[in-house]
PDB file of N, CA and C in Angstrom:
ATOM      1  N   MET A   1     137.983 111.449 103.699  1.00  0.00           N
ATOM      2  CA  MET A   1     137.564 110.255 103.413  1.00  0.00           C
ATOM      3  C   MET A   1     136.444 110.742 102.195  1.00  0.00           C
ATOM      4  N   GLN A   2     136.310 110.335 100.773  1.00  0.00           N
ATOM      5  CA  GLN A   2     135.578 111.020 100.182  1.00  0.00           C
ATOM      6  C   GLN A   2     134.375 109.992  99.758  1.00  0.00           C
ATOM      7  N   ARG A   3     134.154 108.866  99.909  1.00  0.00           N
ATOM      8  CA  ARG A   3     133.048 107.879 100.045  1.00  0.00           C
ATOM      9  C   ARG A   3     132.254 107.865 100.817  1.00  0.00           C
ATOM     10  N   PRO A   4     130.788 107.863 100.164  1.00  0.00           N
ATOM     11  CA  PRO A   4     129.946 107.508 100.998  1.00  0.00           C
ATOM     12  C   PRO A   4     130.388 106.255 102.285  1.00  0.00           C
ATOM     13  N   VAL A   5     129.712 106.484 103.365  1.00  0.00           N
ATOM     14  CA  VAL A   5     129.722 105.329 104.485  1.00  0.00           C
ATOM     15  C   VAL A   5     128.382 104.883 104.856  1.00  0.00           C
ATOM     16  N   HIS A   6     128.359 103.531 105.192  1.00  0.00           N
ATOM     17  CA  HIS A   6     126.946 103.222 105.589  1.00  0.00           C
ATOM     18  C   HIS A   6     127.610 102.448 107.244  1.00  0.00           C
ATOM     19  N   ALA A   7     126.770 102.507 108.060  1.00  0.00           N
ATOM     20  CA  ALA A   7     127.121 101.757 109.341  1.00  0.00           C
ATOM     21  C   ALA A   7     125.811 100.845 109.642  1.00  0.00           C
ATOM     22  N   LEU A   8     126.142  99.819 110.218  1.00  0.00           N
ATOM     23  CA  LEU A   8     124.839  98.812 110.485  1.00  0.00           C
ATOM     24  C   LEU A   8     125.114  98.681 111.970  1.00  0.00           C
ATOM     25  N   ARG A   9     124.496  98.725 112.832  1.00  0.00           N
ATOM     26  CA  ARG A   9     124.173  98.457 114.157  1.00  0.00           C
ATOM     27  C   ARG A   9     123.345  97.411 114.755  1.00  0.00           C
ATOM     28  N   ASN A  10     123.294  96.544 115.697  1.00  0.00           N
ATOM     29  CA  ASN A  10     122.331  96.124 115.852  1.00  0.00           C
ATOM     30  C   ASN A  10     122.226  96.518 117.939  1.00  0.00           C
ATOM     31  N   LEU A  11     120.753  96.945 117.733  1.00  0.00           N
ATOM     32  CA  LEU A  11     120.460  97.976 118.830  1.00  0.00           C
ATOM     33  C   LEU A  11     120.796  96.790 120.226  1.00  0.00           C
ATOM     34  N   LEU A  12     120.544  95.482 120.520  1.00  0.00           N
ATOM     35  CA  LEU A  12     121.071  94.873 121.261  1.00  0.00           C
ATOM     36  C   LEU A  12     122.815  94.290 121.644  1.00  0.00           C
ATOM     37  N   ASP A  13     123.210  94.908 120.594  1.00  0.00           N
ATOM     38  CA  ASP A  13     124.897  94.797 121.010  1.00  0.00           C
ATOM     39  C   ASP A  13     125.451  95.147 122.302  1.00  0.00           C
ATOM     40  N   ALA A  14     126.185  94.213 122.816  1.00  0.00           N
ATOM     41  CA  ALA A  14     126.484  94.574 124.138  1.00  0.00           C
ATOM     42  C   ALA A  14     128.160  94.859 123.972  1.00  0.00           C
ATOM     43  N   CYS A  15     128.581  94.397 122.701  1.00  0.00           N
ATOM     44  CA  CYS A  15     130.240  94.490 122.860  1.00  0.00           C
ATOM     45  C   CYS A  15     130.662  95.715 122.883  1.00  0.00           C
ATOM     46  N   THR A  16     131.665  95.582 123.932  1.00  0.00           N
ATOM     47  CA  THR A  16     131.945  97.152 124.340  1.00  0.00           C
ATOM     48  C   THR A  16     132.945  98.310 122.850  1.00  0.00           C
ATOM     49  N   PHE A  17     133.214  97.477 122.344  1.00  0.00           N
ATOM     50  CA  PHE A  17     134.194  98.039 120.914  1.00  0.00           C
ATOM     51  C   PHE A  17     133.128  98.516 120.163  1.00  0.00           C
ATOM     52  N   SER A  18     132.214  98.344 120.115  1.00  0.00           N
ATOM     53  CA  SER A  18     131.279  98.367 119.209  1.00  0.00           C
ATOM     54  C   SER A  18     129.308  98.909 119.273  1.00  0.00           C
ATOM     55  N   ARG A  19     129.313  99.392 120.539  1.00  0.00           N
ATOM     56  CA  ARG A  19     128.018  99.968 121.022  1.00  0.00           C
ATOM     57  C   ARG A  19     127.621 100.581 120.278  1.00  0.00           C
ATOM     58  N   PRO A  20     126.363 100.465 120.265  1.00  0.00           N
ATOM     59  CA  PRO A  20     125.314 101.185 119.264  1.00  0.00           C
ATOM     60  C   PRO A  20     125.384 102.575 119.527  1.00  0.00           C
ATOM     61  N   VAL A  21     125.356 103.592 120.786  1.00  0.00           N
ATOM     62  CA  VAL A  21     125.277 104.594 120.613  1.00  0.00           C
ATOM     63  C   VAL A  21     126.884 104.854 119.941  1.00  0.00           C
ATOM     64  N   ASP A  22     127.840 104.297 120.001  1.00  0.00           N
ATOM     65  CA  ASP A  22     128.955 104.815 118.948  1.00  0.00           C
ATOM     66  C   ASP A  22     128.619 104.564 117.991  1.00  0.00           C
ATOM     67  N   SER A  23     128.322 103.735 117.201  1.00  0.00           N
ATOM     68  CA  SER A  23     127.783 103.903 115.312  1.00  0.00           C
ATOM     69  C   SER A  23     127.200 105.220 115.623  1.00  0.00           C
ATOM     70  N   LEU A  24     126.208 105.782 116.084  1.00  0.00           N
ATOM     71  CA  LEU A  24     125.793 106.963 115.777  1.00  0.00           C
ATOM     72  C   LEU A  24     126.434 108.067 115.891  1.00  0.00           C
ATOM     73  N   ALA A  25     127.486 108.211 117.110  1.00  0.00           N
ATOM     74  CA  ALA A  25     128.374 108.979 117.219  1.00  0.00           C
ATOM     75  C   ALA A  25     129.520 109.274 115.876  1.00  0.00           C
ATOM     76  N   LEU A  26     129.838 107.926 115.541  1.00  0.00           N
ATOM     77  CA  LEU A  26     130.632 107.917 114.258  1.00  0.00           C
ATOM     78  C   LEU A  26     130.036 108.554 112.949  1.00  0.00           C
ATOM     79  N   VAL A  27     129.007 108.084 112.186  1.00  0.00           N
ATOM     80  CA  VAL A  27     128.259 108.691 111.465  1.00  0.00           C
ATOM     81  C   VAL A  27     128.047 110.165 111.613  1.00  0.00           C
ATOM     82  N   ASN A  28     127.462 110.573 112.862  1.00  0.00           N
ATOM     83  CA  ASN A  28     127.247 112.150 113.234  1.00  0.00           C
ATOM     84  C   ASN A  28     128.564 112.573 112.895  1.00  0.00           C
ATOM     85  N   LYS A  29     129.902 112.099 113.120  1.00  0.00           N
ATOM     86  CA  LYS A  29     131.284 112.590 112.928  1.00  0.00           C
ATOM     87  C   LYS A  29     131.754 112.515 111.313  1.00  0.00           C
ATOM     88  N   PHE A  30     131.204 111.888 110.729  1.00  0.00           N
ATOM     89  CA  PHE A  30     131.245 111.627 109.430  1.00  0.00           C
ATOM     90  C   PHE A  30     130.396 113.022 108.598  1.00  0.00           C
ATOM     91  N   LEU A  31     129.017 113.130 109.059  1.00  0.00           N
ATOM     92  CA  LEU A  31     128.103 114.046 108.525  1.00  0.00           C
ATOM     93  C   LEU A  31     128.767 115.481 108.932  1.00  0.00           C
ATOM     94  N   ALA A  32     129.384 115.502 110.062  1.00  0.00           N
ATOM     95  CA  ALA A  32     130.118 116.924 110.426  1.00  0.00           C
ATOM     96  C   ALA A  32     131.280 116.830 109.500  1.00  0.00           C
ATOM     97  N   ALA A  33     131.962 115.948 108.975  1.00  0.00           N
ATOM     98  CA  ALA A  33     132.716 116.600 108.393  1.00  0.00           C
ATOM     99  C   ALA A  33     132.728 116.809 106.394  1.00  0.00           C
ATOM    100  N   GLY A  34     131.557 116.531 106.296  1.00  0.00           N
ATOM    101  CA  GLY A  34     130.789 116.577 105.178  1.00  0.00           C
ATOM    102  C   GLY A  34     130.888 115.321 104.414  1.00  0.00           C
ATOM    103  N   VAL A  35     131.180 114.262 105.082  1.00  0.00           N
ATOM    104  CA  VAL A  35     131.037 113.005 104.365  1.00  0.00           C
ATOM    105  C   VAL A  35     129.944 112.626 104.702  1.00  0.00           C
ATOM    106  N   ARG A  36     129.338 112.194 103.517  1.00  0.00           N
ATOM    107  CA  ARG A  36     127.896 111.383 103.168  1.00  0.00           C
ATOM    108  C   ARG A  36     127.543 110.244 103.944  1.00  0.00           C
ATOM    109  N   ALA A  37     126.891 109.848 104.588  1.00  0.00           N
ATOM    110  CA  ALA A  37     126.979 108.809 105.755  1.00  0.00           C
ATOM    111  C   ALA A  37     125.359 108.574 106.141  1.00  0.00           C
ATOM    112  N   GLU A  38     125.257 107.170 106.196  1.00  0.00           N
ATOM    113  CA  GLU A  38     123.863 106.473 106.519  1.00  0.00           C
ATOM    114  C   GLU A  38     124.144 105.701 107.875  1.00  0.00           C
ATOM    115  N   LEU A  39     123.182 105.263 108.470  1.00  0.00           N
ATOM    116  CA  LEU A  39     122.962 104.674 109.510  1.00  0.00           C
ATOM    117  C   LEU A  39     121.865 103.821 109.390  1.00  0.00           C
ATOM    118  N   SER A  40     121.984 102.439 109.454  1.00  0.00           N
ATOM    119  CA  SER A  40     120.754 101.746 109.804  1.00  0.00           C
ATOM    120  C   SER A  40     120.933 100.616 110.987  1.00  0.00           C
ATOM    121  N   SER A  41     119.902 100.665 111.934  1.00  0.00           N
ATOM    122  CA  SER A  41     119.697  99.414 112.946  1.00  0.00           C
ATOM    123  C   SER A  41     118.517  98.705 112.702  1.00  0.00           C
ATOM    124  N   VAL A  42     119.311  97.397 113.543  1.00  0.00           N
ATOM    125  CA  VAL A  42     118.411  96.435 113.204  1.00  0.00           C
ATOM    126  C   VAL A  42     118.358  95.883 114.661  1.00  0.00           C
ATOM    127  N   SER A  43     117.412  94.992 115.297  1.00  0.00           N
ATOM    128  CA  SER A  43     117.339  94.664 116.554  1.00  0.00           C
ATOM    129  C   SER A  43     116.884  93.108 116.842  1.00  0.00           C
ATOM    130  N   GLY A  44     117.583  92.218 117.213  1.00  0.00           N
ATOM    131  CA  GLY A  44     117.305  91.042 117.890  1.00  0.00           C
ATOM    132  C   GLY A  44     118.414  90.266 117.704  1.00  0.00           C
ATOM    133  N   GLY A  45     117.933  88.737 117.352  1.00  0.00           N
ATOM    134  CA  GLY A  45     119.014  87.690 117.199  1.00  0.00           C
ATOM    135  C   GLY A  45     118.931  86.786 118.598  1.00  0.00           C
ATOM    136  N   PHE A  46     120.035  86.122 118.762  1.00  0.00           N
ATOM    137  CA  PHE A  46     119.742  85.569 120.143  1.00  0.00           C
ATOM    138  C   PHE A  46     121.521  85.341 120.594  1.00  0.00           C
ATOM    139  N   VAL A  47     121.847  84.940 121.498  1.00  0.00           N
ATOM    140  CA  VAL A  47     123.299  84.652 121.936  1.00  0.00           C
ATOM    141  C   VAL A  47     123.370  83.173 122.058  1.00  0.00           C
ATOM    142  N   VAL A  48     124.564  82.717 121.901  1.00  0.00           N
ATOM    143  CA  VAL A  48     125.359  81.300 122.163  1.00  0.00           C
ATOM    144  C   VAL A  48     126.618  81.305 122.904  1.00  0.00           C
ATOM    145  N   ASP A  49     127.406  82.484 122.669  1.00  0.00           N
ATOM    146  CA  ASP A  49     128.589  82.858 123.291  1.00  0.00           C
ATOM    147  C   ASP A  49     128.624  83.626 124.723  1.00  0.00           C
ATOM    148  N   THR A  50     129.207  83.644 125.557  1.00  0.00           N
ATOM    149  CA  THR A  50     129.627  84.663 126.625  1.00  0.00           C
ATOM    150  C   THR A  50     129.956  85.559 126.290  1.00  0.00           C
ATOM    151  N   ASP A  51     130.993  85.746 125.219  1.00  0.00           N
ATOM    152  CA  ASP A  51     131.947  86.912 125.203  1.00  0.00           C
ATOM    153  C   ASP A  51     130.691  87.583 124.456  1.00  0.00           C
ATOM    154  N   PRO A  52     130.314  89.130 124.730  1.00  0.00           N
ATOM    155  CA  PRO A  52     129.251  90.003 123.885  1.00  0.00           C
ATOM    156  C   PRO A  52     129.922  90.455 122.933  1.00  0.00           C
ATOM    157  N   CYS A  53     131.144  90.088 122.390  1.00  0.00           N
ATOM    158  CA  CYS A  53     131.720  90.708 120.834  1.00  0.00           C
ATOM    159  C   CYS A  53     132.002  89.299 119.933  1.00  0.00           C
ATOM    160  N   ASP A  54     131.533  88.161 120.591  1.00  0.00           N
ATOM    161  CA  ASP A  54     131.619  87.290 119.778  1.00  0.00           C
ATOM    162  C   ASP A  54     130.934  86.647 118.452  1.00  0.00           C
ATOM    163  N   ALA A  55     130.827  85.996 117.498  1.00  0.00           N
ATOM    164  CA  ALA A  55     130.282  86.273 116.227  1.00  0.00           C
ATOM    165  C   ALA A  55     128.812  85.741 116.866  1.00  0.00           C
ATOM    166  N   PHE A  56     128.915  84.836 117.827  1.00  0.00           N
ATOM    167  CA  PHE A  56     127.350  83.836 118.229  1.00  0.00           C
ATOM    168  C   PHE A  56     126.866  84.560 119.323  1.00  0.00           C
ATOM    169  N   THR A  57     126.488  86.221 119.150  1.00  0.00           N
ATOM    170  CA  THR A  57     125.901  86.830 119.634  1.00  0.00           C
ATOM    171  C   THR A  57     124.962  88.029 118.851  1.00  0.00           C
ATOM    172  N   PHE A  58     124.354  88.786 119.443  1.00  0.00           N
ATOM    173  CA  PHE A  58     123.963  90.066 118.811  1.00  0.00           C
ATOM    174  C   PHE A  58     124.953  91.016 118.046  1.00  0.00           C
ATOM    175  N   HIS A  59     126.340  90.664 118.309  1.00  0.00           N
ATOM    176  CA  HIS A  59     127.468  91.594 117.771  1.00  0.00           C
ATOM    177  C   HIS A  59     127.552  90.784 116.244  1.00  0.00           C
ATOM    178  N   GLY A  60     127.347  89.776 116.306  1.00  0.00           N
ATOM    179  CA  GLY A  60     127.267  88.778 115.175  1.00  0.00           C
ATOM    180  C   GLY A  60     126.160  88.654 114.282  1.00  0.00           C
ATOM    181  N   TYR A  61     124.765  89.277 114.518  1.00  0.00           N
ATOM    182  CA  TYR A  61     123.681  89.288 113.961  1.00  0.00           C
ATOM    183  C   TYR A  61     123.260  88.015 114.056  1.00  0.00           C
ATOM    184  N   LEU A  62     123.333  87.122 115.072  1.00  0.00           N
ATOM    185  CA  LEU A  62     123.001  85.481 114.703  1.00  0.00           C
ATOM    186  C   LEU A  62     121.568  85.731 115.033  1.00  0.00           C
ATOM    187  N   GLY A  63     121.311  84.734 114.234  1.00  0.00           N
ATOM    188  CA  GLY A  63     119.866  84.085 113.566  1.00  0.00           C
ATOM    189  C   GLY A  63     118.759  85.786 113.085  1.00  0.00           C
ATOM    190  N   ILE A  64     119.592  86.662 113.073  1.00  0.00           N
ATOM    191  CA  ILE A  64     119.120  87.775 112.297  1.00  0.00           C
ATOM    192  C   ILE A  64     119.668  88.200 110.994  1.00  0.00           C
ATOM    193  N   GLU A  65     120.697  87.072 110.475  1.00  0.00           N
ATOM    194  CA  GLU A  65     121.669  87.517 109.556  1.00  0.00           C
ATOM    195  C   GLU A  65     120.409  88.120 107.767  1.00  0.00           C
ATOM    196  N   PRO A  66     119.576  87.723 107.458  1.00  0.00           N
ATOM    197  CA  PRO A  66     118.744  88.074 106.627  1.00  0.00           C
ATOM    198  C   PRO A  66     118.464  90.098 106.661  1.00  0.00           C
ATOM    199  N   THR A  67     117.769  89.919 107.897  1.00  0.00           N
ATOM    200  CA  THR A  67     117.544  91.150 108.253  1.00  0.00           C
ATOM    201  C   THR A  67     118.324  92.201 108.471  1.00  0.00           C
ATOM    202  N   ALA A  68     119.661  91.478 108.666  1.00  0.00           N
ATOM    203  CA  ALA A  68     121.216  92.705 109.059  1.00  0.00           C
ATOM    204  C   ALA A  68     121.616  92.782 107.300  1.00  0.00           C
ATOM    205  N   VAL A  69     121.488  91.973 106.510  1.00  0.00           N
ATOM    206  CA  VAL A  69     121.991  92.189 104.956  1.00  0.00           C
ATOM    207  C   VAL A  69     121.431  92.961 104.154  1.00  0.00           C
ATOM    208  N   LEU A  70     119.967  93.100 104.412  1.00  0.00           N
ATOM    209  CA  LEU A  70     119.088  93.492 103.555  1.00  0.00           C
ATOM    210  C   LEU A  70     119.442  95.227 103.524  1.00  0.00           C
ATOM    211  N   PRO A  71     119.428  95.774 104.695  1.00  0.00           N
ATOM    212  CA  PRO A  71     119.780  97.403 104.549  1.00  0.00           C
ATOM    213  C   PRO A  71     121.076  97.754 104.087  1.00  0.00           C
ATOM    214  N   VAL A  72     121.692  97.013 103.991  1.00  0.00           N
ATOM    215  CA  VAL A  72     123.739  96.982 103.374  1.00  0.00           C
ATOM    216  C   VAL A  72     123.264  96.789 102.044  1.00  0.00           C
ATOM    217  N   THR A  73     122.541  95.832 101.652  1.00  0.00           N
ATOM    218  CA  THR A  73     122.493  95.702 100.041  1.00  0.00           C
ATOM    219  C   THR A  73     121.666  96.523  99.441  1.00  0.00           C
ATOM    220  N   THR A  74     120.571  97.111 100.072  1.00  0.00           N
ATOM    221  CA  THR A  74     119.510  98.220  99.597  1.00  0.00           C
ATOM    222  C   THR A  74     120.480  99.444  99.497  1.00  0.00           C
ATOM    223  N   TRP A  75     121.359  99.872 100.347  1.00  0.00           N
ATOM    224  CA  TRP A  75     122.490 100.625 100.405  1.00  0.00           C
ATOM    225  C   TRP A  75     122.950 100.956  99.308  1.00  0.00           C
ATOM    226  N   LEU A  76     123.958  99.538  99.207  1.00  0.00           N
ATOM    227  CA  LEU A  76     124.844  99.421  98.067  1.00  0.00           C
ATOM    228  C   LEU A  76     124.040  99.498  96.802  1.00  0.00           C
ATOM    229  N   ASP A  77     122.913  98.987  96.426  1.00  0.00           N
ATOM    230  CA  ASP A  77     122.250  98.876  95.496  1.00  0.00           C
ATOM    231  C   ASP A  77     121.857 100.508  94.985  1.00  0.00           C
ATOM    232  N   ALA A  78     121.396 101.264  96.035  1.00  0.00           N
ATOM    233  CA  ALA A  78     121.361 102.680  95.870  1.00  0.00           C
ATOM    234  C   ALA A  78     122.677 103.528  95.352  1.00  0.00           C
ATOM    235  N   ARG A  79     123.597 103.125  95.823  1.00  0.00           N
ATOM    236  CA  ARG A  79     125.143 103.673  95.482  1.00  0.00           C
ATOM    237  C   ARG A  79     125.200 103.150  93.803  1.00  0.00           C
ATOM    238  N   MET A  80     124.866 101.967  93.334  1.00  0.00           N
ATOM    239  CA  MET A  80     125.584 101.468  92.436  1.00  0.00           C
ATOM    240  C   MET A  80     124.347 102.498  91.386  1.00  0.00           C
ATOM    241  N   SER A  81     123.012 102.504  91.518  1.00  0.00           N
ATOM    242  CA  SER A  81     122.245 103.244  90.701  1.00  0.00           C
ATOM    243  C   SER A  81     122.445 104.320  90.409  1.00  0.00           C
ATOM    244  N   GLU A  82     123.305 105.285  91.187  1.00  0.00           N
ATOM    245  CA  GLU A  82     123.760 106.704  91.188  1.00  0.00           C
ATOM    246  C   GLU A  82     124.666 106.740  89.957  1.00  0.00           C
ATOM    247  N   LEU A  83     125.210 105.422  89.835  1.00  0.00           N
ATOM    248  CA  LEU A  83     126.845 105.266  88.740  1.00  0.00           C
ATOM    249  C   LEU A  83     126.191 105.383  87.389  1.00  0.00           C
ATOM    250  N   ALA A  84     124.819 105.070  87.140  1.00  0.00           N
ATOM    251  CA  ALA A  84     124.415 104.965  86.173  1.00  0.00           C
ATOM    252  C   ALA A  84     124.636 104.165  84.943  1.00  0.00           C
ATOM    253  N   GLY A  85     125.456 104.821  84.118  1.00  0.00           N
ATOM    254  CA  GLY A  85     125.956 103.686  82.852  1.00  0.00           C
ATOM    255  C   GLY A  85     127.013 102.809  83.655  1.00  0.00           C
ATOM    256  N   ASN A  86     127.726 103.006  84.551  1.00  0.00           N
ATOM    257  CA  ASN A  86     128.778 102.268  85.170  1.00  0.00           C
ATOM    258  C   ASN A  86     128.686 100.619  85.092  1.00  0.00           C
ATOM    259  N   THR A  87     129.419 100.108  84.734  1.00  0.00           N
ATOM    260  CA  THR A  87     129.159  98.522  85.200  1.00  0.00           C
ATOM    261  C   THR A  87     129.351  98.028  86.965  1.00  0.00           C
ATOM    262  N   ARG A  88     128.196  97.110  87.064  1.00  0.00           N
ATOM    263  CA  ARG A  88     128.151  96.860  88.522  1.00  0.00           C
ATOM    264  C   ARG A  88     130.163  95.816  89.023  1.00  0.00           C
ATOM    265  N   PRO A  89     130.247  96.545  89.912  1.00  0.00           N
ATOM    266  CA  PRO A  89     131.945  96.000  90.299  1.00  0.00           C
ATOM    267  C   PRO A  89     130.963  94.507  90.669  1.00  0.00           C
ATOM    268  N   GLN A  90     132.566  93.725  90.444  1.00  0.00           N
ATOM    269  CA  GLN A  90     132.534  92.617  90.943  1.00  0.00           C
ATOM    270  C   GLN A  90     133.267  92.163  92.343  1.00  0.00           C
ATOM    271  N   ALA A  91     132.773  91.580  93.171  1.00  0.00           N
ATOM    272  CA  ALA A  91     133.368  91.297  94.852  1.00  0.00           C
ATOM    273  C   ALA A  91     133.349  90.422  95.053  1.00  0.00           C
ATOM    274  N   ALA A  92     134.241  89.751  95.841  1.00  0.00           N
ATOM    275  CA  ALA A  92     134.333  88.665  96.337  1.00  0.00           C
ATOM    276  C   ALA A  92     135.037  89.028  97.862  1.00  0.00           C
ATOM    277  N   PHE A  93     134.696  88.163  98.719  1.00  0.00           N
ATOM    278  CA  PHE A  93     135.595  87.628 100.265  1.00  0.00           C
ATOM    279  C   PHE A  93     136.850  87.345  99.971  1.00  0.00           C
ATOM    280  N   ALA A  94     137.896  87.696 100.530  1.00  0.00           N
ATOM    281  CA  ALA A  94     138.935  86.793 100.459  1.00  0.00           C
ATOM    282  C   ALA A  94     139.401  86.606 101.968  1.00  0.00           C
ATOM    283  N   GLU A  95     140.040  85.420 102.187  1.00  0.00           N
ATOM    284  CA  GLU A  95     140.550  84.836 103.507  1.00  0.00           C
ATOM    285  C   GLU A  95     141.897  85.785 103.842  1.00  0.00           C
ATOM    286  N   LEU A  96     141.922  85.952 105.111  1.00  0.00           N
ATOM    287  CA  LEU A  96     143.371  86.340 105.743  1.00  0.00           C
ATOM    288  C   LEU A  96     144.026  85.323 106.488  1.00  0.00           C
ATOM    289  N   PRO A  97     145.398  85.334 105.942  1.00  0.00           N
ATOM    290  CA  PRO A  97     146.240  84.179 106.105  1.00  0.00           C
ATOM    291  C   PRO A  97     146.507  84.512 107.886  1.00  0.00           C
ATOM    292  N   GLY A  98     146.410  83.170 108.167  1.00  0.00           N
ATOM    293  CA  GLY A  98     146.242  83.098 109.560  1.00  0.00           C
ATOM    294  C   GLY A  98     145.160  83.468 110.769  1.00  0.00           C
ATOM    295  N   ALA A  99     143.999  83.905 110.040  1.00  0.00           N
ATOM    296  CA  ALA A  99     142.906  84.247 110.749  1.00  0.00           C
ATOM    297  C   ALA A  99     141.949  83.420 110.701  1.00  0.00           C
ATOM    298  N   ALA A 100     142.389  82.390 111.732  1.00  0.00           N
ATOM    299  CA  ALA A 100     140.831  81.656 111.958  1.00  0.00           C
ATOM    300  C   ALA A 100     140.034  81.878 113.033  1.00  0.00           C
ATOM    301  N   ASN A 101     139.057  81.661 112.637  1.00  0.00           N
ATOM    302  CA  ASN A 101     137.726  81.919 113.595  1.00  0.00           C
ATOM    303  C   ASN A 101     137.606  83.573 114.314  1.00  0.00           C
ATOM    304  N   VAL A 102     138.352  84.655 113.247  1.00  0.00           N
ATOM    305  CA  VAL A 102     138.315  85.703 113.588  1.00  0.00           C
ATOM    306  C   VAL A 102     137.227  86.221 112.741  1.00  0.00           C
ATOM    307  N   THR A 103     136.179  87.236 113.435  1.00  0.00           N
ATOM    308  CA  THR A 103     135.014  87.612 112.698  1.00  0.00           C
ATOM    309  C   THR A 103     134.896  89.202 113.008  1.00  0.00           C
ATOM    310  N   ASP A 104     135.879  89.942 113.154  1.00  0.00           N
ATOM    311  CA  ASP A 104     136.067  91.592 113.182  1.00  0.00           C
ATOM    312  C   ASP A 104     137.070  91.706 112.122  1.00  0.00           C
ATOM    313  N   ARG A 105     137.727  90.994 111.353  1.00  0.00           N
ATOM    314  CA  ARG A 105     138.797  91.260 110.534  1.00  0.00           C
ATOM    315  C   ARG A 105     138.513  90.628 109.523  1.00  0.00           C
ATOM    316  N   PHE A 106     138.274  91.257 107.756  1.00  0.00           N
ATOM    317  CA  PHE A 106     138.020  90.862 106.957  1.00  0.00           C
ATOM    318  C   PHE A 106     138.492  91.490 105.884  1.00  0.00           C
ATOM    319  N   VAL A 107     138.731  90.813 104.504  1.00  0.00           N
ATOM    320  CA  VAL A 107     139.408  91.543 103.389  1.00  0.00           C
ATOM    321  C   VAL A 107     138.090  91.507 102.241  1.00  0.00           C
ATOM    322  N   TYR A 108     137.897  92.589 101.617  1.00  0.00           N
ATOM    323  CA  TYR A 108     136.778  92.736 101.000  1.00  0.00           C
ATOM    324  C   TYR A 108     137.304  93.302  99.482  1.00  0.00           C
ATOM    325  N   VAL A 109     137.115  92.521  98.623  1.00  0.00           N
ATOM    326  CA  VAL A 109     138.046  92.749  97.449  1.00  0.00           C
ATOM    327  C   VAL A 109     136.868  93.355  96.168  1.00  0.00           C
ATOM    328  N   VAL A 110     137.220  94.504  95.477  1.00  0.00           N
ATOM    329  CA  VAL A 110     135.934  95.127  94.674  1.00  0.00           C
ATOM    330  C   VAL A 110     136.953  95.875  93.379  1.00  0.00           C
ATOM    331  N   THR A 111     136.178  95.225  92.522  1.00  0.00           N
ATOM    332  CA  THR A 111     136.721  95.556  91.098  1.00  0.00           C
ATOM    333  C   THR A 111     135.710  96.172  90.123  1.00  0.00           C
ATOM    334  N   ASP A 112     135.858  97.060  89.297  1.00  0.00           N
ATOM    335  CA  ASP A 112     134.843  97.355  88.768  1.00  0.00           C
ATOM    336  C   ASP A 112     135.493  97.233  86.811  1.00  0.00           C
ATOM    337  N   GLY A 113     136.418  96.392  86.896  1.00  0.00           N
ATOM    338  CA  GLY A 113     136.778  95.893  85.661  1.00  0.00           C
ATOM    339  C   GLY A 113     138.028  96.636  85.164  1.00  0.00           C
ATOM    340  N   VAL A 114     138.122  97.834  85.979  1.00  0.00           N
ATOM    341  CA  VAL A 114     139.175  98.933  85.664  1.00  0.00           C
ATOM    342  C   VAL A 114     140.168  98.843  86.481  1.00  0.00           C
ATOM    343  N   SER A 115     139.913  98.800  87.750  1.00  0.00           N
ATOM    344  CA  SER A 115     140.922  99.213  88.755  1.00  0.00           C
ATOM    345  C   SER A 115     140.548  98.006  90.219  1.00  0.00           C
ATOM    346  N   ALA A 116     140.960  98.007  91.317  1.00  0.00           N
ATOM    347  CA  ALA A 116     140.692  97.227  91.959  1.00  0.00           C
ATOM    348  C   ALA A 116     141.005  97.494  93.501  1.00  0.00           C
ATOM    349  N   ALA A 117     140.377  97.446  94.382  1.00  0.00           N
ATOM    350  CA  ALA A 117     140.520  97.658  95.666  1.00  0.00           C
ATOM    351  C   ALA A 117     140.529  96.760  96.718  1.00  0.00           C
ATOM    352  N   VAL A 118     141.295  96.918  98.098  1.00  0.00           N
ATOM    353  CA  VAL A 118     140.937  96.005  99.188  1.00  0.00           C
ATOM    354  C   VAL A 118     140.754  96.718  99.974  1.00  0.00           C
ATOM    355  N   ILE A 119     139.875  96.362 100.933  1.00  0.00           N
ATOM    356  CA  ILE A 119     139.166  97.118 102.010  1.00  0.00           C
ATOM    357  C   ILE A 119     139.503  96.054 103.198  1.00  0.00           C
ATOM    358  N   THR A 120     140.365  96.753 104.093  1.00  0.00           N
ATOM    359  CA  THR A 120     140.337  95.953 105.443  1.00  0.00           C
ATOM    360  C   THR A 120     139.744  96.319 106.607  1.00  0.00           C
ATOM    361  N   ILE A 121     139.138  95.914 107.271  1.00  0.00           N
ATOM    362  CA  ILE A 121     138.578  96.445 108.490  1.00  0.00           C
ATOM    363  C   ILE A 121     138.669  95.581 109.575  1.00  0.00           C
ATOM    364  N   ARG A 122     139.432  96.123 110.734  1.00  0.00           N
ATOM    365  CA  ARG A 122     139.468  95.863 111.891  1.00  0.00           C
ATOM    366  C   ARG A 122     138.636  96.530 112.979  1.00  0.00           C
ATOM    367  N   ILE A 123     137.676  95.699 113.844  1.00  0.00           N
ATOM    368  CA  ILE A 123     136.628  96.476 114.815  1.00  0.00           C
ATOM    369  C   ILE A 123     137.774  95.989 116.444  1.00  0.00           C
ATOM    370  N   GLY A 124     138.082  97.189 116.971  1.00  0.00           N
ATOM    371  CA  GLY A 124     138.441  96.868 118.082  1.00  0.00           C
ATOM    372  C   GLY A 124     140.135  96.534 118.540  1.00  0.00           C
ATOM    373  N   GLY A 125     140.595  96.084 119.649  1.00  0.00           N
ATOM    374  CA  GLY A 125     142.045  95.667 119.189  1.00  0.00           C
ATOM    375  C   GLY A 125     143.290  96.728 118.910  1.00  0.00           C
TER     376      GLY A 125
END
């Protein structure tokens, strides 16, 4: 992987597929492989669901969405500023067919006006 990596974790996340300590280990592996990687941590939120991997828990940053989004957008803005004269990519979320009520799978479409990429992320399973 040649692209910079940013990981976000909620220190209260109790999902066994995305433990906070595993996020740190993942970022450390990227760094050891020579990949530019950063880790941001947030803490807080509240729990509505009984499954710790559901969106309505610490895993989904429930109740702290603005706090969780800020380090991600700050990191993305810094990457954009490094591109200097390049134009800001246009990005939008796209729905996955048949993926109703699935929070850990999404498609993010990014284009810079010349080319486009689809990034699919699946956590666990």
